[in-house]
Amino acid sequence: MSNTTLWWLIVVLSITAYGLKAFGFVLAGGRRMPAAVERCLALIPAALLAALVAKDTFTLAQEVVVDARLAGVIVAGVAVWRRAPFIVVVVLAMAATAVVRAVA
């Protein structure tokens, strides 16, 4: 694929994505969504982040792997559940991953 074709593809896809998003605003036209829909939409960022973390934790290239990263995610999950500050969560996850890598 040439650079020109690639750039045209990027432009067309960008315009399409923007158009689809704008179409939602035009279609809604200032009306409020039902409360159930708003609650579901509020959860989408957390669900997407969880999906990205899971994908990065359990895959390497095209293969599913379970390695030291899993220990870090588990420790981070427990720390978040115990309402630890963010920096503590990150340090604990790094430490758990490093310990498992050093032992294995």
PDB file of N, CA and C in Angstrom:
ATOM      1  N   MET A   1       0.850  -1.168   0.000  1.00  0.00           N
ATOM      2  CA  MET A   1       0.000   0.000   0.000  1.00  0.00           C
ATOM      3  C   MET A   1       0.900   1.237   0.000  1.00  0.00           C
ATOM      4  N   SER A   2       0.635   2.152  -0.902  1.00  0.00           N
ATOM      5  CA  SER A   2       1.467   3.351  -0.998  1.00  0.00           C
ATOM      6  C   SER A   2       1.091   4.341   0.102  1.00  0.00           C
ATOM      7  N   ASN A   3       1.982   5.295   0.325  1.00  0.00           N
ATOM      8  CA  ASN A   3       1.715   6.315   1.340  1.00  0.00           C
ATOM      9  C   ASN A   3       0.482   7.137   1.005  1.00  0.00           C
ATOM     10  N   THR A   4       0.298   7.451  -0.266  1.00  0.00           N
ATOM     11  CA  THR A   4      -0.867   8.244  -0.673  1.00  0.00           C
ATOM     12  C   THR A   4      -2.155   7.488  -0.386  1.00  0.00           C
ATOM     13  N   THR A   5      -2.181   6.225  -0.712  1.00  0.00           N
ATOM     14  CA  THR A   5      -3.370   5.407  -0.449  1.00  0.00           C
ATOM     15  C   THR A   5      -3.635   5.312   1.046  1.00  0.00           C
ATOM     16  N   LEU A   6      -2.583   5.142   1.809  1.00  0.00           N
ATOM     17  CA  LEU A   6      -2.730   5.061   3.259  1.00  0.00           C
ATOM     18  C   LEU A   6      -3.315   6.347   3.823  1.00  0.00           C
ATOM     19  N   TRP A   7      -2.814   7.492   3.374  1.00  0.00           N
ATOM     20  CA  TRP A   7      -3.331   8.761   3.877  1.00  0.00           C
ATOM     21  C   TRP A   7      -4.780   8.983   3.461  1.00  0.00           C
ATOM     22  N   TRP A   8      -5.136   8.604   2.239  1.00  0.00           N
ATOM     23  CA  TRP A   8      -6.535   8.732   1.823  1.00  0.00           C
ATOM     24  C   TRP A   8      -7.431   7.838   2.675  1.00  0.00           C
ATOM     25  N   LEU A   9      -6.952   6.660   2.994  1.00  0.00           N
ATOM     26  CA  LEU A   9      -7.712   5.753   3.841  1.00  0.00           C
ATOM     27  C   LEU A   9      -7.908   6.346   5.233  1.00  0.00           C
ATOM     28  N   ILE A  10      -6.863   6.930   5.788  1.00  0.00           N
ATOM     29  CA  ILE A  10      -6.959   7.568   7.102  1.00  0.00           C
ATOM     30  C   ILE A  10      -7.957   8.715   7.067  1.00  0.00           C
ATOM     31  N   VAL A  11      -7.903   9.552   6.041  1.00  0.00           N
ATOM     32  CA  VAL A  11      -8.823  10.690   5.930  1.00  0.00           C
ATOM     33  C   VAL A  11     -10.266  10.211   5.813  1.00  0.00           C
ATOM     34  N   VAL A  12     -10.504   9.234   4.943  1.00  0.00           N
ATOM     35  CA  VAL A  12     -11.875   8.739   4.737  1.00  0.00           C
ATOM     36  C   VAL A  12     -12.419   8.097   6.008  1.00  0.00           C
ATOM     37  N   LEU A  13     -11.616   7.286   6.672  1.00  0.00           N
ATOM     38  CA  LEU A  13     -12.071   6.652   7.904  1.00  0.00           C
ATOM     39  C   LEU A  13     -12.281   7.670   9.019  1.00  0.00           C
ATOM     40  N   SER A  14     -11.450   8.701   9.085  1.00  0.00           N
ATOM     41  CA  SER A  14     -11.633   9.753  10.087  1.00  0.00           C
ATOM     42  C   SER A  14     -12.933  10.504   9.860  1.00  0.00           C
ATOM     43  N   ILE A  15     -13.205  10.852   8.618  1.00  0.00           N
ATOM     44  CA  ILE A  15     -14.454  11.556   8.297  1.00  0.00           C
ATOM     45  C   ILE A  15     -15.651  10.663   8.603  1.00  0.00           C
ATOM     46  N   THR A  16     -15.549   9.392   8.283  1.00  0.00           N
ATOM     47  CA  THR A  16     -16.635   8.457   8.571  1.00  0.00           C
ATOM     48  C   THR A  16     -16.880   8.350  10.073  1.00  0.00           C
ATOM     49  N   ALA A  17     -15.818   8.215  10.854  1.00  0.00           N
ATOM     50  CA  ALA A  17     -15.970   8.111  12.305  1.00  0.00           C
ATOM     51  C   ALA A  17     -16.584   9.383  12.872  1.00  0.00           C
ATOM     52  N   TYR A  18     -16.098  10.535  12.435  1.00  0.00           N
ATOM     53  CA  TYR A  18     -16.650  11.803  12.904  1.00  0.00           C
ATOM     54  C   TYR A  18     -18.117  11.927  12.503  1.00  0.00           C
ATOM     55  N   GLY A  19     -18.440  11.533  11.277  1.00  0.00           N
ATOM     56  CA  GLY A  19     -19.819  11.612  10.806  1.00  0.00           C
ATOM     57  C   GLY A  19     -20.757  10.742  11.620  1.00  0.00           C
ATOM     58  N   LEU A  20     -20.309   9.544  11.962  1.00  0.00           N
ATOM     59  CA  LEU A  20     -21.145   8.666  12.778  1.00  0.00           C
ATOM     60  C   LEU A  20     -21.382   9.248  14.164  1.00  0.00           C
ATOM     61  N   LYS A  21     -20.362   9.847  14.743  1.00  0.00           N
ATOM     62  CA  LYS A  21     -20.524  10.461  16.060  1.00  0.00           C
ATOM     63  C   LYS A  21     -21.437  11.673  15.988  1.00  0.00           C
ATOM     64  N   ALA A  22     -21.275  12.489  14.971  1.00  0.00           N
ATOM     65  CA  ALA A  22     -22.129  13.671  14.807  1.00  0.00           C
ATOM     66  C   ALA A  22     -23.568  13.258  14.541  1.00  0.00           C
ATOM     67  N   PHE A  23     -23.756  12.163  13.807  1.00  0.00           N
ATOM     68  CA  PHE A  23     -25.101  11.683  13.513  1.00  0.00           C
ATOM     69  C   PHE A  23     -25.854  11.353  14.802  1.00  0.00           C
ATOM     70  N   GLY A  24     -25.160  10.813  15.791  1.00  0.00           N
ATOM     71  CA  GLY A  24     -25.794  10.525  17.081  1.00  0.00           C
ATOM     72  C   GLY A  24     -26.290  11.782  17.765  1.00  0.00           C
ATOM     73  N   PHE A  25     -25.506  12.851  17.723  1.00  0.00           N
ATOM     74  CA  PHE A  25     -25.931  14.106  18.335  1.00  0.00           C
ATOM     75  C   PHE A  25     -27.112  14.710  17.591  1.00  0.00           C
ATOM     76  N   VAL A  26     -27.068  14.658  16.276  1.00  0.00           N
ATOM     77  CA  VAL A  26     -28.164  15.207  15.475  1.00  0.00           C
ATOM     78  C   VAL A  26     -29.432  14.404  15.717  1.00  0.00           C
ATOM     79  N   LEU A  27     -29.301  13.099  15.766  1.00  0.00           N
ATOM     80  CA  LEU A  27     -30.453  12.235  15.968  1.00  0.00           C
ATOM     81  C   LEU A  27     -31.071  12.452  17.347  1.00  0.00           C
ATOM     82  N   ALA A  28     -30.237  12.585  18.379  1.00  0.00           N
ATOM     83  CA  ALA A  28     -30.758  12.797  19.730  1.00  0.00           C
ATOM     84  C   ALA A  28     -31.381  14.181  19.854  1.00  0.00           C
ATOM     85  N   GLY A  29     -30.795  15.171  19.247  1.00  0.00           N
ATOM     86  CA  GLY A  29     -31.367  16.511  19.201  1.00  0.00           C
ATOM     87  C   GLY A  29     -31.696  17.144  20.538  1.00  0.00           C
ATOM     88  N   GLY A  30     -30.918  16.919  21.553  1.00  0.00           N
ATOM     89  CA  GLY A  30     -31.157  17.569  22.835  1.00  0.00           C
ATOM     90  C   GLY A  30     -32.085  16.791  23.752  1.00  0.00           C
ATOM     91  N   ARG A  31     -32.620  15.684  23.292  1.00  0.00           N
ATOM     92  CA  ARG A  31     -33.484  14.866  24.150  1.00  0.00           C
ATOM     93  C   ARG A  31     -32.632  14.096  25.146  1.00  0.00           C
ATOM     94  N   ARG A  32     -33.197  13.849  26.300  1.00  0.00           N
ATOM     95  CA  ARG A  32     -32.512  13.066  27.323  1.00  0.00           C
ATOM     96  C   ARG A  32     -32.688  11.581  27.038  1.00  0.00           C
ATOM     97  N   MET A  33     -31.651  10.828  27.315  1.00  0.00           N
ATOM     98  CA  MET A  33     -31.738   9.379  27.167  1.00  0.00           C
ATOM     99  C   MET A  33     -32.382   8.796  28.416  1.00  0.00           C
ATOM    100  N   PRO A  34     -32.956   7.614  28.302  1.00  0.00           N
ATOM    101  CA  PRO A  34     -33.491   6.956  29.502  1.00  0.00           C
ATOM    102  C   PRO A  34     -32.384   6.744  30.537  1.00  0.00           C
ATOM    103  N   ALA A  35     -32.770   6.723  31.796  1.00  0.00           N
ATOM    104  CA  ALA A  35     -31.792   6.601  32.884  1.00  0.00           C
ATOM    105  C   ALA A  35     -30.980   5.312  32.767  1.00  0.00           C
ATOM    106  N   ALA A  36     -31.619   4.231  32.346  1.00  0.00           N
ATOM    107  CA  ALA A  36     -30.898   2.957  32.219  1.00  0.00           C
ATOM    108  C   ALA A  36     -29.799   3.057  31.164  1.00  0.00           C
ATOM    109  N   VAL A  37     -30.069   3.743  30.069  1.00  0.00           N
ATOM    110  CA  VAL A  37     -29.069   3.908  29.012  1.00  0.00           C
ATOM    111  C   VAL A  37     -27.915   4.769  29.516  1.00  0.00           C
ATOM    112  N   GLU A  38     -28.221   5.833  30.238  1.00  0.00           N
ATOM    113  CA  GLU A  38     -27.158   6.697  30.775  1.00  0.00           C
ATOM    114  C   GLU A  38     -26.277   5.941  31.757  1.00  0.00           C
ATOM    115  N   ARG A  39     -26.889   5.087  32.593  1.00  0.00           N
ATOM    116  CA  ARG A  39     -26.089   4.294  33.535  1.00  0.00           C
ATOM    117  C   ARG A  39     -25.171   3.333  32.785  1.00  0.00           C
ATOM    118  N   CYS A  40     -25.681   2.707  31.736  1.00  0.00           N
ATOM    119  CA  CYS A  40     -24.855   1.782  30.944  1.00  0.00           C
ATOM    120  C   CYS A  40     -23.723   2.522  30.239  1.00  0.00           C
ATOM    121  N   LEU A  41     -24.022   3.677  29.676  1.00  0.00           N
ATOM    122  CA  LEU A  41     -22.995   4.451  28.980  1.00  0.00           C
ATOM    123  C   LEU A  41     -21.903   4.923  29.935  1.00  0.00           C
ATOM    124  N   ALA A  42     -22.270   5.179  31.181  1.00  0.00           N
ATOM    125  CA  ALA A  42     -21.277   5.615  32.163  1.00  0.00           C
ATOM    126  C   ALA A  42     -20.280   4.502  32.487  1.00  0.00           C
ATOM    127  N   LEU A  43     -20.672   3.251  32.266  1.00  0.00           N
ATOM    128  CA  LEU A  43     -19.799   2.121  32.582  1.00  0.00           C
ATOM    129  C   LEU A  43     -18.881   1.721  31.431  1.00  0.00           C
ATOM    130  N   ILE A  44     -19.109   2.256  30.253  1.00  0.00           N
ATOM    131  CA  ILE A  44     -18.330   1.853  29.080  1.00  0.00           C
ATOM    132  C   ILE A  44     -16.830   2.127  29.228  1.00  0.00           C
ATOM    133  N   PRO A  45     -16.392   3.293  29.715  1.00  0.00           N
ATOM    134  CA  PRO A  45     -14.938   3.501  29.839  1.00  0.00           C
ATOM    135  C   PRO A  45     -14.263   2.477  30.747  1.00  0.00           C
ATOM    136  N   ALA A  46     -14.896   2.138  31.867  1.00  0.00           N
ATOM    137  CA  ALA A  46     -14.306   1.146  32.766  1.00  0.00           C
ATOM    138  C   ALA A  46     -14.248  -0.227  32.104  1.00  0.00           C
ATOM    139  N   ALA A  47     -15.292  -0.578  31.366  1.00  0.00           N
ATOM    140  CA  ALA A  47     -15.310  -1.875  30.677  1.00  0.00           C
ATOM    141  C   ALA A  47     -14.231  -1.936  29.599  1.00  0.00           C
ATOM    142  N   LEU A  48     -14.056  -0.851  28.862  1.00  0.00           N
ATOM    143  CA  LEU A  48     -13.020  -0.825  27.830  1.00  0.00           C
ATOM    144  C   LEU A  48     -11.628  -0.923  28.440  1.00  0.00           C
ATOM    145  N   LEU A  49     -11.404  -0.214  29.541  1.00  0.00           N
ATOM    146  CA  LEU A  49     -10.107  -0.285  30.207  1.00  0.00           C
ATOM    147  C   LEU A  49      -9.840  -1.696  30.722  1.00  0.00           C
ATOM    148  N   ALA A  50     -10.859  -2.320  31.309  1.00  0.00           N
ATOM    149  CA  ALA A  50     -10.700  -3.693  31.795  1.00  0.00           C
ATOM    150  C   ALA A  50     -10.388  -4.649  30.651  1.00  0.00           C
ATOM    151  N   ALA A  51     -11.038  -4.455  29.518  1.00  0.00           N
ATOM    152  CA  ALA A  51     -10.776  -5.314  28.358  1.00  0.00           C
ATOM    153  C   ALA A  51      -9.348  -5.138  27.855  1.00  0.00           C
ATOM    154  N   LEU A  52      -8.870  -3.894  27.827  1.00  0.00           N
ATOM    155  CA  LEU A  52      -7.494  -3.655  27.380  1.00  0.00           C
ATOM    156  C   LEU A  52      -6.478  -4.260  28.341  1.00  0.00           C
ATOM    157  N   VAL A  53      -6.730  -4.127  29.641  1.00  0.00           N
ATOM    158  CA  VAL A  53      -5.823  -4.711  30.632  1.00  0.00           C
ATOM    159  C   VAL A  53      -5.814  -6.229  30.498  1.00  0.00           C
ATOM    160  N   ALA A  54      -6.988  -6.830  30.348  1.00  0.00           N
ATOM    161  CA  ALA A  54      -7.062  -8.289  30.205  1.00  0.00           C
ATOM    162  C   ALA A  54      -6.339  -8.754  28.946  1.00  0.00           C
ATOM    163  N   LYS A  55      -6.544  -8.042  27.860  1.00  0.00           N
ATOM    164  CA  LYS A  55      -5.883  -8.415  26.599  1.00  0.00           C
ATOM    165  C   LYS A  55      -4.368  -8.324  26.733  1.00  0.00           C
ATOM    166  N   ASP A  56      -3.888  -7.247  27.344  1.00  0.00           N
ATOM    167  CA  ASP A  56      -2.442  -7.083  27.491  1.00  0.00           C
ATOM    168  C   ASP A  56      -1.853  -8.027  28.537  1.00  0.00           C
ATOM    169  N   THR A  57      -2.663  -8.463  29.492  1.00  0.00           N
ATOM    170  CA  THR A  57      -2.173  -9.364  30.528  1.00  0.00           C
ATOM    171  C   THR A  57      -2.048 -10.790  30.025  1.00  0.00           C
ATOM    172  N   PHE A  58      -3.000 -11.232  29.226  1.00  0.00           N
ATOM    173  CA  PHE A  58      -3.063 -12.640  28.859  1.00  0.00           C
ATOM    174  C   PHE A  58      -2.617 -12.957  27.444  1.00  0.00           C
ATOM    175  N   THR A  59      -2.118 -11.978  26.692  1.00  0.00           N
ATOM    176  CA  THR A  59      -1.664 -12.279  25.335  1.00  0.00           C
ATOM    177  C   THR A  59      -0.257 -11.745  25.110  1.00  0.00           C
ATOM    178  N   LEU A  60       0.451 -12.449  24.250  1.00  0.00           N
ATOM    179  CA  LEU A  60       1.772 -12.029  23.806  1.00  0.00           C
ATOM    180  C   LEU A  60       1.830 -12.369  22.326  1.00  0.00           C
ATOM    181  N   ALA A  61       1.912 -11.341  21.503  1.00  0.00           N
ATOM    182  CA  ALA A  61       1.792 -11.502  20.048  1.00  0.00           C
ATOM    183  C   ALA A  61       0.411 -12.068  19.746  1.00  0.00           C
ATOM    184  N   GLN A  62       0.333 -13.270  19.224  1.00  0.00           N
ATOM    185  CA  GLN A  62      -0.964 -13.879  18.901  1.00  0.00           C
ATOM    186  C   GLN A  62      -1.295 -15.058  19.812  1.00  0.00           C
ATOM    187  N   GLU A  63      -0.572 -15.218  20.889  1.00  0.00           N
ATOM    188  CA  GLU A  63      -0.758 -16.369  21.767  1.00  0.00           C
ATOM    189  C   GLU A  63      -1.267 -15.941  23.133  1.00  0.00           C
ATOM    190  N   VAL A  64      -2.040 -16.830  23.742  1.00  0.00           N
ATOM    191  CA  VAL A  64      -2.499 -16.611  25.111  1.00  0.00           C
ATOM    192  C   VAL A  64      -1.419 -17.148  26.043  1.00  0.00           C
ATOM    193  N   VAL A  65      -0.978 -16.315  26.971  1.00  0.00           N
ATOM    194  CA  VAL A  65       0.057 -16.714  27.925  1.00  0.00           C
ATOM    195  C   VAL A  65      -0.353 -16.283  29.328  1.00  0.00           C
ATOM    196  N   VAL A  66       0.103 -17.051  30.291  1.00  0.00           N
ATOM    197  CA  VAL A  66      -0.081 -16.677  31.693  1.00  0.00           C
ATOM    198  C   VAL A  66       1.323 -16.590  32.271  1.00  0.00           C
ATOM    199  N   ASP A  67       1.717 -15.381  32.681  1.00  0.00           N
ATOM    200  CA  ASP A  67       3.061 -15.197  33.199  1.00  0.00           C
ATOM    201  C   ASP A  67       3.019 -14.265  34.406  1.00  0.00           C
ATOM    202  N   ALA A  68       4.124 -13.621  34.689  1.00  0.00           N
ATOM    203  CA  ALA A  68       4.255 -12.786  35.883  1.00  0.00           C
ATOM    204  C   ALA A  68       3.305 -11.593  35.880  1.00  0.00           C
ATOM    205  N   ARG A  69       2.881 -11.163  34.713  1.00  0.00           N
ATOM    206  CA  ARG A  69       1.959 -10.026  34.653  1.00  0.00           C
ATOM    207  C   ARG A  69       0.661 -10.318  35.382  1.00  0.00           C
ATOM    208  N   LEU A  70       0.242 -11.585  35.378  1.00  0.00           N
ATOM    209  CA  LEU A  70      -0.994 -11.962  36.062  1.00  0.00           C
ATOM    210  C   LEU A  70      -0.892 -11.681  37.558  1.00  0.00           C
ATOM    211  N   ALA A  71       0.257 -11.967  38.148  1.00  0.00           N
ATOM    212  CA  ALA A  71       0.454 -11.688  39.572  1.00  0.00           C
ATOM    213  C   ALA A  71       0.323 -10.196  39.846  1.00  0.00           C
ATOM    214  N   GLY A  72       0.887  -9.380  38.983  1.00  0.00           N
ATOM    215  CA  GLY A  72       0.779  -7.935  39.151  1.00  0.00           C
ATOM    216  C   GLY A  72      -0.651  -7.446  39.060  1.00  0.00           C
ATOM    217  N   VAL A  73      -1.411  -7.989  38.120  1.00  0.00           N
ATOM    218  CA  VAL A  73      -2.812  -7.579  37.972  1.00  0.00           C
ATOM    219  C   VAL A  73      -3.632  -8.018  39.180  1.00  0.00           C
ATOM    220  N   ILE A  74      -3.377  -9.222  39.674  1.00  0.00           N
ATOM    221  CA  ILE A  74      -4.116  -9.701  40.850  1.00  0.00           C
ATOM    222  C   ILE A  74      -3.809  -8.832  42.061  1.00  0.00           C
ATOM    223  N   VAL A  75      -2.539  -8.546  42.286  1.00  0.00           N
ATOM    224  CA  VAL A  75      -2.156  -7.694  43.425  1.00  0.00           C
ATOM    225  C   VAL A  75      -2.754  -6.300  43.272  1.00  0.00           C
ATOM    226  N   ALA A  76      -2.718  -5.758  42.063  1.00  0.00           N
ATOM    227  CA  ALA A  76      -3.312  -4.440  41.829  1.00  0.00           C
ATOM    228  C   ALA A  76      -4.811  -4.473  42.082  1.00  0.00           C
ATOM    229  N   GLY A  77      -5.471  -5.534  41.652  1.00  0.00           N
ATOM    230  CA  GLY A  77      -6.910  -5.657  41.889  1.00  0.00           C
ATOM    231  C   GLY A  77      -7.248  -5.688  43.368  1.00  0.00           C
ATOM    232  N   VAL A  78      -6.464  -6.436  44.136  1.00  0.00           N
ATOM    233  CA  VAL A  78      -6.693  -6.487  45.584  1.00  0.00           C
ATOM    234  C   VAL A  78      -6.436  -5.118  46.207  1.00  0.00           C
ATOM    235  N   ALA A  79      -5.391  -4.445  45.767  1.00  0.00           N
ATOM    236  CA  ALA A  79      -5.078  -3.120  46.317  1.00  0.00           C
ATOM    237  C   ALA A  79      -6.178  -2.112  45.995  1.00  0.00           C
ATOM    238  N   VAL A  80      -6.710  -2.170  44.789  1.00  0.00           N
ATOM    239  CA  VAL A  80      -7.815  -1.268  44.431  1.00  0.00           C
ATOM    240  C   VAL A  80      -9.043  -1.603  45.259  1.00  0.00           C
ATOM    241  N   TRP A  81      -9.304  -2.900  45.410  1.00  0.00           N
ATOM    242  CA  TRP A  81     -10.452  -3.340  46.207  1.00  0.00           C
ATOM    243  C   TRP A  81     -10.329  -2.851  47.648  1.00  0.00           C
ATOM    244  N   ARG A  82      -9.092  -2.802  48.171  1.00  0.00           N
ATOM    245  CA  ARG A  82      -8.857  -2.313  49.537  1.00  0.00           C
ATOM    246  C   ARG A  82      -8.744  -0.790  49.590  1.00  0.00           C
ATOM    247  N   ARG A  83      -8.984  -0.149  48.438  1.00  0.00           N
ATOM    248  CA  ARG A  83      -8.995   1.314  48.309  1.00  0.00           C
ATOM    249  C   ARG A  83      -7.635   1.957  48.616  1.00  0.00           C
ATOM    250  N   ALA A  84      -6.580   1.326  48.138  1.00  0.00           N
ATOM    251  CA  ALA A  84      -5.238   1.892  48.294  1.00  0.00           C
ATOM    252  C   ALA A  84      -5.071   3.053  47.319  1.00  0.00           C
ATOM    253  N   PRO A  85      -4.221   4.022  47.654  1.00  0.00           N
ATOM    254  CA  PRO A  85      -3.948   5.122  46.715  1.00  0.00           C
ATOM    255  C   PRO A  85      -3.331   4.587  45.423  1.00  0.00           C
ATOM    256  N   PHE A  86      -3.526   5.329  44.348  1.00  0.00           N
ATOM    257  CA  PHE A  86      -3.092   4.879  43.021  1.00  0.00           C
ATOM    258  C   PHE A  86      -1.610   4.545  42.987  1.00  0.00           C
ATOM    259  N   ILE A  87      -0.775   5.389  43.558  1.00  0.00           N
ATOM    260  CA  ILE A  87       0.671   5.147  43.511  1.00  0.00           C
ATOM    261  C   ILE A  87       1.020   3.853  44.236  1.00  0.00           C
ATOM    262  N   VAL A  88       0.313   3.554  45.315  1.00  0.00           N
ATOM    263  CA  VAL A  88       0.540   2.307  46.053  1.00  0.00           C
ATOM    264  C   VAL A  88       0.143   1.107  45.191  1.00  0.00           C
ATOM    265  N   VAL A  89      -0.974   1.233  44.481  1.00  0.00           N
ATOM    266  CA  VAL A  89      -1.424   0.158  43.584  1.00  0.00           C
ATOM    267  C   VAL A  89      -0.356  -0.126  42.531  1.00  0.00           C
ATOM    268  N   VAL A  90       0.163   0.915  41.922  1.00  0.00           N
ATOM    269  CA  VAL A  90       1.169   0.747  40.867  1.00  0.00           C
ATOM    270  C   VAL A  90       2.441   0.116  41.425  1.00  0.00           C
ATOM    271  N   VAL A  91       2.920   0.600  42.555  1.00  0.00           N
ATOM    272  CA  VAL A  91       4.159   0.071  43.143  1.00  0.00           C
ATOM    273  C   VAL A  91       3.980  -1.388  43.560  1.00  0.00           C
ATOM    274  N   LEU A  92       2.844  -1.717  44.162  1.00  0.00           N
ATOM    275  CA  LEU A  92       2.601  -3.103  44.557  1.00  0.00           C
ATOM    276  C   LEU A  92       2.534  -4.031  43.342  1.00  0.00           C
ATOM    277  N   ALA A  93       1.875  -3.580  42.293  1.00  0.00           N
ATOM    278  CA  ALA A  93       1.778  -4.398  41.077  1.00  0.00           C
ATOM    279  C   ALA A  93       3.158  -4.606  40.456  1.00  0.00           C
ATOM    280  N   MET A  94       3.962  -3.542  40.413  1.00  0.00           N
ATOM    281  CA  MET A  94       5.321  -3.674  39.869  1.00  0.00           C
ATOM    282  C   MET A  94       6.146  -4.629  40.716  1.00  0.00           C
ATOM    283  N   ALA A  95       6.036  -4.499  42.032  1.00  0.00           N
ATOM    284  CA  ALA A  95       6.815  -5.356  42.920  1.00  0.00           C
ATOM    285  C   ALA A  95       6.402  -6.820  42.776  1.00  0.00           C
ATOM    286  N   ALA A  96       5.112  -7.079  42.716  1.00  0.00           N
ATOM    287  CA  ALA A  96       4.639  -8.461  42.572  1.00  0.00           C
ATOM    288  C   ALA A  96       5.119  -9.066  41.260  1.00  0.00           C
ATOM    289  N   THR A  97       5.031  -8.299  40.197  1.00  0.00           N
ATOM    290  CA  THR A  97       5.492  -8.793  38.895  1.00  0.00           C
ATOM    291  C   THR A  97       6.993  -9.059  38.922  1.00  0.00           C
ATOM    292  N   ALA A  98       7.753  -8.156  39.523  1.00  0.00           N
ATOM    293  CA  ALA A  98       9.207  -8.326  39.591  1.00  0.00           C
ATOM    294  C   ALA A  98       9.591  -9.543  40.423  1.00  0.00           C
ATOM    295  N   VAL A  99       8.898  -9.751  41.534  1.00  0.00           N
ATOM    296  CA  VAL A  99       9.209 -10.903  42.390  1.00  0.00           C
ATOM    297  C   VAL A  99       8.926 -12.210  41.652  1.00  0.00           C
ATOM    298  N   VAL A 100       7.781 -12.281  40.990  1.00  0.00           N
ATOM    299  CA  VAL A 100       7.445 -13.512  40.258  1.00  0.00           C
ATOM    300  C   VAL A 100       8.435 -13.747  39.125  1.00  0.00           C
ATOM    301  N   ARG A 101       8.841 -12.702  38.435  1.00  0.00           N
ATOM    302  CA  ARG A 101       9.827 -12.867  37.354  1.00  0.00           C
ATOM    303  C   ARG A 101      11.181 -13.304  37.901  1.00  0.00           C
ATOM    304  N   ALA A 102      11.555 -12.780  39.075  1.00  0.00           N
ATOM    305  CA  ALA A 102      12.843 -13.147  39.661  1.00  0.00           C
ATOM    306  C   ALA A 102      12.841 -14.599  40.142  1.00  0.00           C
ATOM    307  N   VAL A 103      11.723 -15.043  40.664  1.00  0.00           N
ATOM    308  CA  VAL A 103      11.628 -16.409  41.187  1.00  0.00           C
ATOM    309  C   VAL A 103      11.505 -17.425  40.056  1.00  0.00           C
ATOM    310  N   ALA A 104      10.759 -17.070  39.027  1.00  0.00           N
ATOM    311  CA  ALA A 104      10.497 -18.038  37.937  1.00  0.00           C
ATOM    312  C   ALA A 104      11.667 -18.179  36.999  1.00  0.00           C
TER     313      ALA A 104
END
